[in-house]
Every structure is written in C-alpha cells, then in structure tokens.
Protein backbone atom coordinates (compact mmCIF):
# COMPACT_ATOMS: atom_id res chain seq x y z
CA MET A 1 64.76 94.88 88.67
CA LYS A 2 68.26 93.51 89.24
CA LYS A 3 71.19 95.76 89.98
CA THR A 4 73.95 95.49 87.38
CA LYS A 5 77.17 93.83 88.45
CA PHE A 6 80.24 96.09 88.65
CA LYS A 7 82.85 95.25 86.03
CA PRO A 8 86.23 97.01 86.29
CA LYS A 9 88.10 98.10 83.17
CA LYS A 10 90.19 95.13 82.08
CA ALA A 11 92.97 97.37 80.74
CA LEU A 12 93.48 98.89 84.19
CA VAL A 13 93.30 95.49 85.87
CA ARG A 14 96.23 94.35 83.70
CA ARG A 15 98.29 97.51 84.21
CA PHE A 16 97.96 98.02 87.98
CA LYS A 17 98.48 95.73 90.96
CA VAL A 18 97.26 96.35 94.50
CA THR A 19 99.74 95.63 97.30
CA GLY A 20 98.83 94.07 100.62
CA ARG A 21 98.55 97.49 102.23
CA GLY A 22 96.34 98.83 99.45
CA LYS A 23 98.89 100.80 97.44
CA LEU A 24 98.77 100.82 93.66
CA VAL A 25 101.86 99.66 91.76
CA ARG A 26 102.53 100.01 88.04
CA ASP A 27 105.34 99.19 85.64
CA LYS A 28 107.44 102.00 84.20
CA SER A 29 107.23 102.82 80.51
CA PHE A 30 109.99 103.00 77.85
CA GLY A 31 111.66 99.85 79.18
CA ASN A 32 111.39 97.40 76.30
CA HIS A 33 111.83 99.21 72.99
CA LEU A 34 115.34 100.15 71.75
CA ARG A 35 117.08 98.88 74.86
CA ALA A 36 120.53 98.79 73.26
CA GLY A 37 120.74 102.58 73.23
CA LYS A 38 119.95 102.92 76.93
CA ARG A 39 122.42 102.76 79.81
CA LYS A 40 122.38 99.65 81.99
CA SER A 41 121.50 101.71 85.04
CA ARG A 42 118.56 103.24 83.20
CA ILE A 43 117.28 99.81 82.17
CA ARG A 44 117.58 98.59 85.79
CA ARG A 45 115.65 101.63 86.97
CA LEU A 46 112.96 101.09 84.34
CA ASN A 47 112.57 97.45 85.42
CA GLN A 48 111.53 98.54 88.91
CA SER A 49 107.89 99.20 89.64
CA ALA A 50 106.53 102.61 90.59
CA THR A 51 103.79 103.49 93.06
CA VAL A 52 100.80 105.52 91.95
CA THR A 53 99.97 108.48 94.20
CA GLY A 54 97.74 111.50 94.47
CA LYS A 55 94.57 112.19 92.53
CA PHE A 56 95.49 109.65 89.86
CA GLU A 57 95.61 106.90 92.50
CA ARG A 58 92.12 107.81 93.72
CA LYS A 59 90.81 107.86 90.14
CA VAL A 60 92.28 104.46 89.27
CA LYS A 61 91.01 102.90 92.52
CA GLN A 62 87.55 104.25 91.76
CA ILE A 63 87.60 102.73 88.26
CA LEU A 64 88.90 99.42 89.64
CA GLY A 65 86.23 99.38 92.33
CA ILE A 66 88.64 99.46 95.27
CA ALA A 67 87.76 102.84 96.77
C-alpha cells in the first residue's frame, strides 16, 4: 500500500513565507481597509512584515511540513 503524499494547507502557504534562515514571516493585518482614517506612520508600520515566534511558529511549521 502506498504512503499518502503530504499536502500542506494552501491557505497557510499563501499567508506565510519562510526566510533563508528558516524564520516565518507574515503580513500584518488591518493595512488595506479604511486607510484614509489611519496615520501615515501607522500605514508604514502595517506595510512591514512581522516574524512569527513561539508556539504558533512551531504549529505553523508543522502544518506546512517544515518542522
């Protein structure tokens, strides 16, 4: 009997990127809707990416098949 091929969750593949050193990077939320009411500095901060750490990083890597 053949072993089934691992398929990662496509939603997580789209939302997270893996850096060269193996860190997980994600985009910040609340950056696109109703931008006119937000300060320019806040919009710049929301455009930067954030790193995923801790237990959530381990969980996402497990689902993506990295760990």
